[in-house]
Amino acid sequence: MKAARAKTPRRPVPKKPSNPSLKDPVGVYCRVRPLSRPDQECCIEVINETTVQIHPPDGYRVFRNGEYRETQYSFKEVFGTLVVQKELFDVVAKPLVEDLIRGKNGLLFTYGVTGSGKTHTMTGSPGDGGLLPRCLDMIFNSIGPFQAKRFVFKLDEKNGVDVQCEVDALLERQKRDVMPVPKTPSGKRQIDPEFADMINVQDHCKVEEVDEDNVYSVFVSYIEIYNNYIYDLLEEAPFDPIKPKWNNCNTPVRNGDFIPPQSKILREDQNHNMYVTGCTEVEVKSTEEAFEVFWRGQKKRRIANTQLNRESSRSHSVFIIKLAQAPLDADGDNVLQEKEQITLSQLSLVDLAGSERTNRTKAEGNRLREAGNINQSLMTLRTCIEVLRENQMYGTNKMVPYRDSKLTHLFKNYFDGEGKVRMIVCVNPKAEDYEESVQVMRFAEMTQEVEVARPVDKPLCGLTPGRRFRNQAFREELSRKLEIRGGPINGETEEQSVSEMLLQSFPPLPSCELLDVNDDQTLPKLIEVLEKRHKLRQMLSEEFGKNVLAFKTMLQEFDSSIVSKENYIQGKLSEKEKIIAGQKMELERLEKKTKTLEYKIEILEKTATIYEEDKRNLQQELESKSQKLQRQASDKRRLEARLQGMVVETTMKWEKECERRVAAKQLEMQNKLWVKDEKLKQLKAIVTEPKNEKPERPSRERDREKPVQRSVSPSPVPNAPPVRLRHRRSRSAGERWVDHKPPSNLPTETVMQPHVPHAITVAAASEKALAKCDKYMLTHQELASDGEIETKLIKGDVFKTRGGGQAVQFTEIETLKQESPTGRKRRSSPSNPNPPEDAADSEWTDVETRCSVAVEMRAGSTLGPGYQHHAQPKRRKP
């Protein structure tokens, strides 16, 4: 066993190498069968010669929540309901038959749901033959005069073919005639009327360019794949094809009346081609004989009655046509006895069983098991197509699961580049088959993307072409010459006439008996007869010599004509060889140019692919950035609107809050000023009255009459903007001051007087003056406790507020005051002992009269109490 394993190589070079650079896609065609009844709802519409459109039926749309989606599918060609079988054959099957005669393989299979017309397309109907009988008719129309005699080609059991000499073939034919095997029909035998109309094809289609120097033989076989088992339909075994007897264990019943068919095994030959071992292969010589073999196997095929089809195929059928051809020898008489020169090509016509859903077919028991195996094998076929497509499109190297099903395992060589593959998708436009038709369309669309390597042409045998016709011409010319010059054609009659003449002209020999010595008549008569015979002999000799000379002359003339023809042929051959050499050089140049262009095209395709990928990436990036910018812009607009609303709301809130606070501060400062005013009035009264008089407390009845409503000062807002702190600094030459001197201020007699350069002197603080300067100084006078006037210079920094106005932050206070060294009170100005009351009022003014701004003391200043000015209207004295 180890030695046997050592002899098994994995994958050597195949016999028929394919050209990987030249690939053809799988040709997928669509055929739409007509509706059974004109009132049926149709869901498939033919748009043009390459496109069909499928739309869901009305009930499906209601069931699917009203969805309506039309889908279009493209094929190599679409055949509508009015297309006849001949048109379909000319487009789909005729190129496969031409390739078969040229030594190339082909695979044609029909695919579709149950009841879509697959078997009708492949087999046909009475009066309208399908693809299979038309293929057979075209083959025999093409090779009819060049067929070899029976048993010249003999198939072996290893998917090969041998060639026999005429003697061996004659012995085989004699054995076959003696054996009691039912003979295949001959041309004179009456055809079975059951299928006579199917093969009565009047088209007489044939291949134009057939090699006349070859001899051909056709072999057919017919198998079916049932429940993933292979059975030979041509095997002579009595069994019931409709109802095979199986027990509950799925094994055949053993009894004398029923002999179950034996399943066949798939094997791989030395060229790694798959074949069915032990399959019956019949040599046929005519269309009628081949179709009768097919019909005999068709009767054994498993069919059953289901809810969807009265005669539903329960198995995949494969009709294989093998064509063996070999060249004639150099003389053009016999087949060349070299096995290497034999070419064996095959055409497989496959009628797949229809995919079906068991809930629609109402299958059960054996029918349910059959439907499961059918769907499983079709699913495996689809998986293989998907993996092939993925490997070719994305450069992957996944293993194709051919061995998962006998159907795909049998035809894996075709997808590996052993021949051309074509598929006819049959669809039924009725609404009930909508979902199955959609799945079939998707599979067909995916199959079109699979490419199969194109097989190379068969090599030439190297012998001179035209051998058969030259041999026939030689035989005809020889017969004509012999006929003219007494050759063997009319030689028998001439020879017969000469012999008759001789027999008639030869006188009978007289009696030679001498009874008497003096008899002088017997001898002279005998001498006379002998002399006549001698003359006849000389005449015959002369005629024979003349015939010999004539024959020699004829042979010489024939030799001279042959030599002249050979010279002429040699001249023509030399010219043709020169032309062929030139054409070969041109072909080589064109091949080199083609390779260069293919290389450039490949580079351009790769470059275009890269650019397209970059373009898609850039477009995606641009779209994403555009979307991002749009989102950001929308967010910005929303944020602006939100901030605008918040600003308006906050502005209104703070305006109200500021108004409330200003009102509260006004009220508070009015109260303080009123208290100070009362104190000043009391002090004035004390100063102006005599010492012995006691000061009277001023009446507050007037104030009590008009009480002022006070409001509680609001607490500081946490989000209020902090007050900008100013560091103390010396005055520079570039600073401008606002010198605020109220008109009520009194001149003092002090030596030191306040002097501010580059100052704008104002009587009342104004926003216009504050906008021009960055320093502010308020001159404030008040009466000290010792009776002297105390002048305070309140200084601050001017800065802009957020609202566009001006604000003053007070930083320091300078005080100017006179004191007596003896401690005696003195006045800063001459006193009037008896001033009038009005004069006293004008002389002693309150702070409010001298300053038109309110003063507020706030915490947080590094210099002690801080002062801040706010514009206030002047308060009238009570």
Foldseek 3Di string as FASTA:
>chain_A
DVVVVVVDDDDDQFPFDFDVVDWDFAAEEEEEADAPDPPFDFQWADPDFFKIKGWADPVVCVVVVNDTDIDMFGGPTYHYHPDAQVVVLVVFPPVQLVVQLLQAAEEEEEAAFWPLCLCCQQANDQQGGHNPLVSQLQNCLAQVVQADDPPQWDDDQQRAIAGDWPVVRVVVVVVVVVDPDDDQDDPPDDFDPRCPRNNPDPPSHYDDDHFSQKHKWKKKFKWWQFLLFIFGLLDPDDAQLADFDADPVRDHDDDDVHDDTDTWDWDAHPSRAIDTGPTDIDIDNHSRRVVVSVVSSVVNFYFDCWLRDGTFGLIKMKMKMKMKMAGCDQQSPTGDRDRVRIRIYMYIYIYQGRQDDCVRRVDDDPSVSSNVSSVQQVVLVLQLLVVLLCCVPVVDDDDRPQVVGPVSVNCVVQQAARHHHYYYYRYHRGNVCSVSVVVSSVSSSSSSSHIHGHTDGDDDPPHDGPSNVVSVVVVVVVVVVCVVLVHPVCVVVVVVVLVVCCVVPQDDQDDPDDPDPPDPPNVVSNVVSVVSVVVSVVVVVVVVVVSVVVVVVVVVVVVVVVVVVVVVVVVVVVVVVVVVVVVVVVVVVVVVVVVVVVVVVVVVVVVVVVVVVVVVVVVVVVVVVVVVVVVVVVVVVVVVVVVVVVVVVVVVVVVVVVVVQVVQVVVVLVVVLLVVVQVVVQVLQCVQDDPVDDDDRDDCPVVVVPDDDHDDRDDDDPPDDDDDDDDDDDDDPPFEEEEAWAPLDDDFPDPDDDDDPNYHYDNADDQVRLVVGFKYWYWFWDADPLREIKIKIWIWTWDADPVGTIWTKTADMDIDTDADPVRHRDYRDDDDNDDDPVVSPSNDDGRLNGYQWGWDFDPDHPHHTITITDHDGGDDDD
